[in-house]
PDB file of N, CA and C in Angstrom:
ATOM      1  N   MET A   1       0.828  -1.191   0.000  1.00  0.00           N
ATOM      2  CA  MET A   1       0.000   0.000   0.000  1.00  0.00           C
ATOM      3  C   MET A   1       0.869   1.250   0.000  1.00  0.00           C
ATOM      4  N   ASN A   2       0.455   2.263  -0.740  1.00  0.00           N
ATOM      5  CA  ASN A   2       1.186   3.516  -0.820  1.00  0.00           C
ATOM      6  C   ASN A   2       0.880   4.357   0.416  1.00  0.00           C
ATOM      7  N   ASN A   3       1.918   4.761   1.162  1.00  0.00           N
ATOM      8  CA  ASN A   3       1.738   5.550   2.379  1.00  0.00           C
ATOM      9  C   ASN A   3       1.632   7.039   2.110  1.00  0.00           C
ATOM     10  N   GLU A   4       1.841   7.452   0.861  1.00  0.00           N
ATOM     11  CA  GLU A   4       1.782   8.865   0.520  1.00  0.00           C
ATOM     12  C   GLU A   4       0.334   9.331   0.454  1.00  0.00           C
ATOM     13  N   LEU A   5       0.043  10.439   1.118  1.00  0.00           N
ATOM     14  CA  LEU A   5      -1.299  11.009   1.102  1.00  0.00           C
ATOM     15  C   LEU A   5      -1.405  12.011  -0.037  1.00  0.00           C
ATOM     16  N   MET A   6      -2.514  11.993  -0.746  1.00  0.00           N
ATOM     17  CA  MET A   6      -2.748  12.923  -1.852  1.00  0.00           C
ATOM     18  C   MET A   6      -3.831  13.921  -1.435  1.00  0.00           C
ATOM     19  N   PHE A   7      -3.669  15.180  -1.863  1.00  0.00           N
ATOM     20  CA  PHE A   7      -4.595  16.227  -1.477  1.00  0.00           C
ATOM     21  C   PHE A   7      -5.025  17.038  -2.689  1.00  0.00           C
ATOM     22  N   ASP A   8      -6.263  17.474  -2.688  1.00  0.00           N
ATOM     23  CA  ASP A   8      -6.803  18.319  -3.742  1.00  0.00           C
ATOM     24  C   ASP A   8      -6.997  19.717  -3.161  1.00  0.00           C
ATOM     25  N   LEU A   9      -5.930  20.526  -3.196  1.00  0.00           N
ATOM     26  CA  LEU A   9      -5.964  21.863  -2.610  1.00  0.00           C
ATOM     27  C   LEU A   9      -6.346  22.902  -3.652  1.00  0.00           C
ATOM     28  N   GLU A  10      -7.255  23.785  -3.259  1.00  0.00           N
ATOM     29  CA  GLU A  10      -7.584  24.924  -4.101  1.00  0.00           C
ATOM     30  C   GLU A  10      -6.526  26.001  -3.897  1.00  0.00           C
ATOM     31  N   CYS A  11      -6.577  27.040  -4.718  1.00  0.00           N
ATOM     32  CA  CYS A  11      -5.640  28.156  -4.583  1.00  0.00           C
ATOM     33  C   CYS A  11      -5.883  28.883  -3.264  1.00  0.00           C
ATOM     34  N   CYS A  12      -4.869  29.599  -2.799  1.00  0.00           N
ATOM     35  CA  CYS A  12      -4.974  30.369  -1.566  1.00  0.00           C
ATOM     36  C   CYS A  12      -6.124  31.365  -1.654  1.00  0.00           C
ATOM     37  N   PRO A  13      -6.963  31.441  -0.624  1.00  0.00           N
ATOM     38  CA  PRO A  13      -8.081  32.384  -0.657  1.00  0.00           C
ATOM     39  C   PRO A  13      -7.649  33.853  -0.579  1.00  0.00           C
ATOM     40  N   HIS A  14      -6.389  34.127  -0.183  1.00  0.00           N
ATOM     41  CA  HIS A  14      -5.915  35.510  -0.090  1.00  0.00           C
ATOM     42  C   HIS A  14      -5.199  35.972  -1.355  1.00  0.00           C
ATOM     43  N   CYS A  15      -4.274  35.147  -1.847  1.00  0.00           N
ATOM     44  CA  CYS A  15      -3.427  35.615  -2.949  1.00  0.00           C
ATOM     45  C   CYS A  15      -3.510  34.736  -4.196  1.00  0.00           C
ATOM     46  N   ARG A  16      -4.274  33.656  -4.125  1.00  0.00           N
ATOM     47  CA  ARG A  16      -4.423  32.691  -5.222  1.00  0.00           C
ATOM     48  C   ARG A  16      -3.138  31.907  -5.487  1.00  0.00           C
ATOM     49  N   GLY A  17      -2.227  31.909  -4.515  1.00  0.00           N
ATOM     50  CA  GLY A  17      -0.993  31.128  -4.615  1.00  0.00           C
ATOM     51  C   GLY A  17      -1.250  29.665  -4.310  1.00  0.00           C
ATOM     52  N   ASP A  18      -0.178  28.893  -4.279  1.00  0.00           N
ATOM     53  CA  ASP A  18      -0.266  27.462  -4.015  1.00  0.00           C
ATOM     54  C   ASP A  18      -0.157  27.171  -2.530  1.00  0.00           C
ATOM     55  N   GLY A  19      -1.005  26.257  -2.062  1.00  0.00           N
ATOM     56  CA  GLY A  19      -0.942  25.798  -0.684  1.00  0.00           C
ATOM     57  C   GLY A  19      -0.174  24.493  -0.595  1.00  0.00           C
ATOM     58  N   MET A  20       0.335  24.204   0.595  1.00  0.00           N
ATOM     59  CA  MET A  20       1.072  22.968   0.825  1.00  0.00           C
ATOM     60  C   MET A  20       0.689  22.421   2.197  1.00  0.00           C
ATOM     61  N   VAL A  21       0.518  21.111   2.268  1.00  0.00           N
ATOM     62  CA  VAL A  21       0.210  20.453   3.540  1.00  0.00           C
ATOM     63  C   VAL A  21       1.524  20.161   4.256  1.00  0.00           C
ATOM     64  N   TYR A  22       1.608  20.560   5.521  1.00  0.00           N
ATOM     65  CA  TYR A  22       2.812  20.350   6.331  1.00  0.00           C
ATOM     66  C   TYR A  22       2.481  19.461   7.526  1.00  0.00           C
ATOM     67  N   PHE A  23       3.361  18.511   7.793  1.00  0.00           N
ATOM     68  CA  PHE A  23       3.270  17.657   8.971  1.00  0.00           C
ATOM     69  C   PHE A  23       4.443  18.025   9.867  1.00  0.00           C
ATOM     70  N   GLU A  24       4.142  18.465  11.093  1.00  0.00           N
ATOM     71  CA  GLU A  24       5.169  18.925  12.032  1.00  0.00           C
ATOM     72  C   GLU A  24       5.351  17.930  13.171  1.00  0.00           C
ATOM     73  N   GLY A  25       6.562  17.456  13.345  1.00  0.00           N
ATOM     74  CA  GLY A  25       6.926  16.624  14.485  1.00  0.00           C
ATOM     75  C   GLY A  25       6.081  15.383  14.685  1.00  0.00           C
ATOM     76  N   ASN A  26       5.509  14.844  13.642  1.00  0.00           N
ATOM     77  CA  ASN A  26       4.667  13.648  13.722  1.00  0.00           C
ATOM     78  C   ASN A  26       3.489  13.798  14.684  1.00  0.00           C
ATOM     79  N   THR A  27       3.056  15.056  14.924  1.00  0.00           N
ATOM     80  CA  THR A  27       1.895  15.268  15.793  1.00  0.00           C
ATOM     81  C   THR A  27       0.940  16.337  15.287  1.00  0.00           C
ATOM     82  N   TRP A  28       1.362  17.205  14.378  1.00  0.00           N
ATOM     83  CA  TRP A  28       0.544  18.316  13.915  1.00  0.00           C
ATOM     84  C   TRP A  28       0.497  18.351  12.398  1.00  0.00           C
ATOM     85  N   VAL A  29      -0.623  18.828  11.861  1.00  0.00           N
ATOM     86  CA  VAL A  29      -0.760  19.029  10.416  1.00  0.00           C
ATOM     87  C   VAL A  29      -1.485  20.349  10.166  1.00  0.00           C
ATOM     88  N   TYR A  30      -1.090  21.047   9.103  1.00  0.00           N
ATOM     89  CA  TYR A  30      -1.737  22.291   8.710  1.00  0.00           C
ATOM     90  C   TYR A  30      -1.457  22.537   7.236  1.00  0.00           C
ATOM     91  N   VAL A  31      -2.171  23.500   6.638  1.00  0.00           N
ATOM     92  CA  VAL A  31      -1.923  23.913   5.257  1.00  0.00           C
ATOM     93  C   VAL A  31      -1.454  25.357   5.293  1.00  0.00           C
ATOM     94  N   GLU A  32      -0.425  25.660   4.487  1.00  0.00           N
ATOM     95  CA  GLU A  32       0.106  27.025   4.415  1.00  0.00           C
ATOM     96  C   GLU A  32       0.354  27.401   2.971  1.00  0.00           C
ATOM     97  N   CYS A  33       0.092  28.656   2.646  1.00  0.00           N
ATOM     98  CA  CYS A  33       0.369  29.186   1.315  1.00  0.00           C
ATOM     99  C   CYS A  33       1.869  29.429   1.196  1.00  0.00           C
ATOM    100  N   ILE A  34       2.466  28.941   0.118  1.00  0.00           N
ATOM    101  CA  ILE A  34       3.907  29.132  -0.051  1.00  0.00           C
ATOM    102  C   ILE A  34       4.248  30.539  -0.543  1.00  0.00           C
ATOM    103  N   ASP A  35       3.220  31.307  -0.933  1.00  0.00           N
ATOM    104  CA  ASP A  35       3.463  32.671  -1.402  1.00  0.00           C
ATOM    105  C   ASP A  35       3.241  33.722  -0.320  1.00  0.00           C
ATOM    106  N   CYS A  36       2.080  33.691   0.357  1.00  0.00           N
ATOM    107  CA  CYS A  36       1.756  34.771   1.309  1.00  0.00           C
ATOM    108  C   CYS A  36       1.791  34.335   2.771  1.00  0.00           C
ATOM    109  N   GLY A  37       1.852  33.035   3.051  1.00  0.00           N
ATOM    110  CA  GLY A  37       1.933  32.565   4.425  1.00  0.00           C
ATOM    111  C   GLY A  37       0.604  32.353   5.121  1.00  0.00           C
ATOM    112  N   ALA A  38      -0.515  32.571   4.423  1.00  0.00           N
ATOM    113  CA  ALA A  38      -1.816  32.285   5.040  1.00  0.00           C
ATOM    114  C   ALA A  38      -1.846  30.808   5.417  1.00  0.00           C
ATOM    115  N   GLN A  39      -2.492  30.483   6.538  1.00  0.00           N
ATOM    116  CA  GLN A  39      -2.506  29.084   6.963  1.00  0.00           C
ATOM    117  C   GLN A  39      -3.774  28.741   7.718  1.00  0.00           C
ATOM    118  N   THR A  40      -4.017  27.438   7.778  1.00  0.00           N
ATOM    119  CA  THR A  40      -5.126  26.916   8.569  1.00  0.00           C
ATOM    120  C   THR A  40      -4.661  26.772  10.010  1.00  0.00           C
ATOM    121  N   THR A  41      -5.583  26.386  10.846  1.00  0.00           N
ATOM    122  CA  THR A  41      -5.228  26.016  12.210  1.00  0.00           C
ATOM    123  C   THR A  41      -4.394  24.731  12.172  1.00  0.00           C
ATOM    124  N   PHE A  42      -3.664  24.453  13.246  1.00  0.00           N
ATOM    125  CA  PHE A  42      -2.916  23.206  13.379  1.00  0.00           C
ATOM    126  C   PHE A  42      -3.850  22.170  13.991  1.00  0.00           C
ATOM    127  N   LEU A  43      -3.899  20.986  13.432  1.00  0.00           N
ATOM    128  CA  LEU A  43      -4.670  19.893  14.025  1.00  0.00           C
ATOM    129  C   LEU A  43      -3.709  18.800  14.487  1.00  0.00           C
ATOM    130  N   GLU A  44      -4.003  18.264  15.655  1.00  0.00           N
ATOM    131  CA  GLU A  44      -3.155  17.250  16.270  1.00  0.00           C
ATOM    132  C   GLU A  44      -3.629  15.853  15.887  1.00  0.00           C
ATOM    133  N   TYR A  45      -2.670  14.921  15.789  1.00  0.00           N
ATOM    134  CA  TYR A  45      -2.995  13.512  15.567  1.00  0.00           C
ATOM    135  C   TYR A  45      -2.026  12.647  16.362  1.00  0.00           C
ATOM    136  N   ASN A  46      -2.462  11.411  16.652  1.00  0.00           N
ATOM    137  CA  ASN A  46      -1.648  10.503  17.464  1.00  0.00           C
ATOM    138  C   ASN A  46      -1.270   9.214  16.767  1.00  0.00           C
ATOM    139  N   ASN A  47      -1.935   8.895  15.656  1.00  0.00           N
ATOM    140  CA  ASN A  47      -1.624   7.664  14.929  1.00  0.00           C
ATOM    141  C   ASN A  47      -1.944   7.875  13.453  1.00  0.00           C
ATOM    142  N   GLU A  48      -1.684   6.861  12.637  1.00  0.00           N
ATOM    143  CA  GLU A  48      -1.862   6.992  11.195  1.00  0.00           C
ATOM    144  C   GLU A  48      -3.314   7.272  10.796  1.00  0.00           C
ATOM    145  N   GLU A  49      -4.254   6.655  11.472  1.00  0.00           N
ATOM    146  CA  GLU A  49      -5.665   6.880  11.157  1.00  0.00           C
ATOM    147  C   GLU A  49      -6.048   8.335  11.453  1.00  0.00           C
ATOM    148  N   GLU A  50      -5.654   8.838  12.619  1.00  0.00           N
ATOM    149  CA  GLU A  50      -5.928  10.225  12.980  1.00  0.00           C
ATOM    150  C   GLU A  50      -5.182  11.190  12.061  1.00  0.00           C
ATOM    151  N   LYS A  51      -3.990  10.797  11.616  1.00  0.00           N
ATOM    152  CA  LYS A  51      -3.207  11.633  10.704  1.00  0.00           C
ATOM    153  C   LYS A  51      -3.975  11.872   9.406  1.00  0.00           C
ATOM    154  N   LYS A  52      -4.545  10.817   8.837  1.00  0.00           N
ATOM    155  CA  LYS A  52      -5.313  10.940   7.600  1.00  0.00           C
ATOM    156  C   LYS A  52      -6.540  11.820   7.809  1.00  0.00           C
ATOM    157  N   GLU A  53      -7.236  11.617   8.922  1.00  0.00           N
ATOM    158  CA  GLU A  53      -8.436  12.404   9.215  1.00  0.00           C
ATOM    159  C   GLU A  53      -8.086  13.870   9.441  1.00  0.00           C
ATOM    160  N   ALA A  54      -7.020  14.134  10.196  1.00  0.00           N
ATOM    161  CA  ALA A  54      -6.609  15.515  10.461  1.00  0.00           C
ATOM    162  C   ALA A  54      -6.184  16.209   9.166  1.00  0.00           C
ATOM    163  N   ALA A  55      -5.463  15.501   8.319  1.00  0.00           N
ATOM    164  CA  ALA A  55      -5.045  16.078   7.038  1.00  0.00           C
ATOM    165  C   ALA A  55      -6.262  16.392   6.179  1.00  0.00           C
ATOM    166  N   HIS A  56      -7.205  15.483   6.129  1.00  0.00           N
ATOM    167  CA  HIS A  56      -8.442  15.710   5.375  1.00  0.00           C
ATOM    168  C   HIS A  56      -9.171  16.944   5.912  1.00  0.00           C
ATOM    169  N   ASN A  57      -9.212  17.103   7.223  1.00  0.00           N
ATOM    170  CA  ASN A  57      -9.912  18.234   7.841  1.00  0.00           C
ATOM    171  C   ASN A  57      -9.234  19.570   7.539  1.00  0.00           C
ATOM    172  N   VAL A  58      -7.889  19.640   7.590  1.00  0.00           N
ATOM    173  CA  VAL A  58      -7.231  20.915   7.288  1.00  0.00           C
ATOM    174  C   VAL A  58      -7.349  21.259   5.807  1.00  0.00           C
ATOM    175  N   VAL A  59      -7.351  20.243   4.946  1.00  0.00           N
ATOM    176  CA  VAL A  59      -7.560  20.499   3.516  1.00  0.00           C
ATOM    177  C   VAL A  59      -8.960  21.063   3.290  1.00  0.00           C
ATOM    178  N   ASN A  60      -9.954  20.513   3.973  1.00  0.00           N
ATOM    179  CA  ASN A  60     -11.322  21.045   3.865  1.00  0.00           C
ATOM    180  C   ASN A  60     -11.388  22.486   4.364  1.00  0.00           C
ATOM    181  N   LEU A  61     -10.729  22.791   5.489  1.00  0.00           N
ATOM    182  CA  LEU A  61     -10.705  24.160   6.001  1.00  0.00           C
ATOM    183  C   LEU A  61     -10.082  25.106   4.972  1.00  0.00           C
ATOM    184  N   TRP A  62      -8.981  24.693   4.399  1.00  0.00           N
ATOM    185  CA  TRP A  62      -8.289  25.487   3.378  1.00  0.00           C
ATOM    186  C   TRP A  62      -9.198  25.742   2.188  1.00  0.00           C
ATOM    187  N   ASN A  63      -9.814  24.693   1.701  1.00  0.00           N
ATOM    188  CA  ASN A  63     -10.656  24.811   0.514  1.00  0.00           C
ATOM    189  C   ASN A  63     -11.906  25.652   0.762  1.00  0.00           C
ATOM    190  N   MET A  64     -12.351  25.754   2.025  1.00  0.00           N
ATOM    191  CA  MET A  64     -13.486  26.615   2.377  1.00  0.00           C
ATOM    192  C   MET A  64     -13.048  28.058   2.624  1.00  0.00           C
ATOM    193  N   GLY A  65     -11.737  28.307   2.650  1.00  0.00           N
ATOM    194  CA  GLY A  65     -11.230  29.656   2.888  1.00  0.00           C
ATOM    195  C   GLY A  65     -11.069  30.005   4.344  1.00  0.00           C
ATOM    196  N   LYS A  66     -11.073  29.009   5.220  1.00  0.00           N
ATOM    197  CA  LYS A  66     -10.938  29.229   6.666  1.00  0.00           C
ATOM    198  C   LYS A  66      -9.455  29.269   7.030  1.00  0.00           C
ATOM    199  N   VAL A  67      -8.831  30.408   6.747  1.00  0.00           N
ATOM    200  CA  VAL A  67      -7.399  30.564   6.986  1.00  0.00           C
ATOM    201  C   VAL A  67      -7.138  31.844   7.764  1.00  0.00           C
ATOM    202  N   ILE A  68      -5.956  31.917   8.351  1.00  0.00           N
ATOM    203  CA  ILE A  68      -5.519  33.127   9.018  1.00  0.00           C
ATOM    204  C   ILE A  68      -4.277  33.639   8.303  1.00  0.00           C
ATOM    205  N   ARG A  69      -4.176  34.931   8.282  1.00  0.00           N
ATOM    206  CA  ARG A  69      -3.007  35.541   7.656  1.00  0.00           C
ATOM    207  C   ARG A  69      -2.602  36.733   8.505  1.00  0.00           C
ATOM    208  N   ILE A  70      -1.408  36.703   8.979  1.00  0.00           N
ATOM    209  CA  ILE A  70      -0.905  37.792   9.814  1.00  0.00           C
ATOM    210  C   ILE A  70      -0.256  38.813   8.902  1.00  0.00           C
ATOM    211  N   GLU A  71      -0.790  40.007   8.937  1.00  0.00           N
ATOM    212  CA  GLU A  71      -0.256  41.101   8.118  1.00  0.00           C
ATOM    213  C   GLU A  71       0.903  41.750   8.847  1.00  0.00           C
ATOM    214  N   ARG A  72       1.720  42.408   8.105  1.00  0.00           N
ATOM    215  CA  ARG A  72       2.854  43.138   8.662  1.00  0.00           C
ATOM    216  C   ARG A  72       2.340  44.145   9.694  1.00  0.00           C
ATOM    217  N   GLY A  73       2.974  44.190  10.875  1.00  0.00           N
ATOM    218  CA  GLY A  73       2.570  45.114  11.919  1.00  0.00           C
ATOM    219  C   GLY A  73       1.543  44.571  12.891  1.00  0.00           C
ATOM    220  N   GLU A  74       1.086  43.342  12.687  1.00  0.00           N
ATOM    221  CA  GLU A  74       0.108  42.773  13.618  1.00  0.00           C
ATOM    222  C   GLU A  74       0.790  41.966  14.679  1.00  0.00           C
TER     223      GLU A  74
END
């Protein structure tokens, strides 16, 4: 079985740039725009099943436009 997860990410809701799914320290997952830095919330997971579900959830948040973007000076 292929362990690689595939995602269907829409363009960034702020700048229309490309988003990327990031897995941090084998416990957190989020989506971030590689152009402007807009990102979803971080979701935690504890095992492979939760990892897939958390990744699916952050991709859905991204695709709905539920992101945060810190502007200069904030």
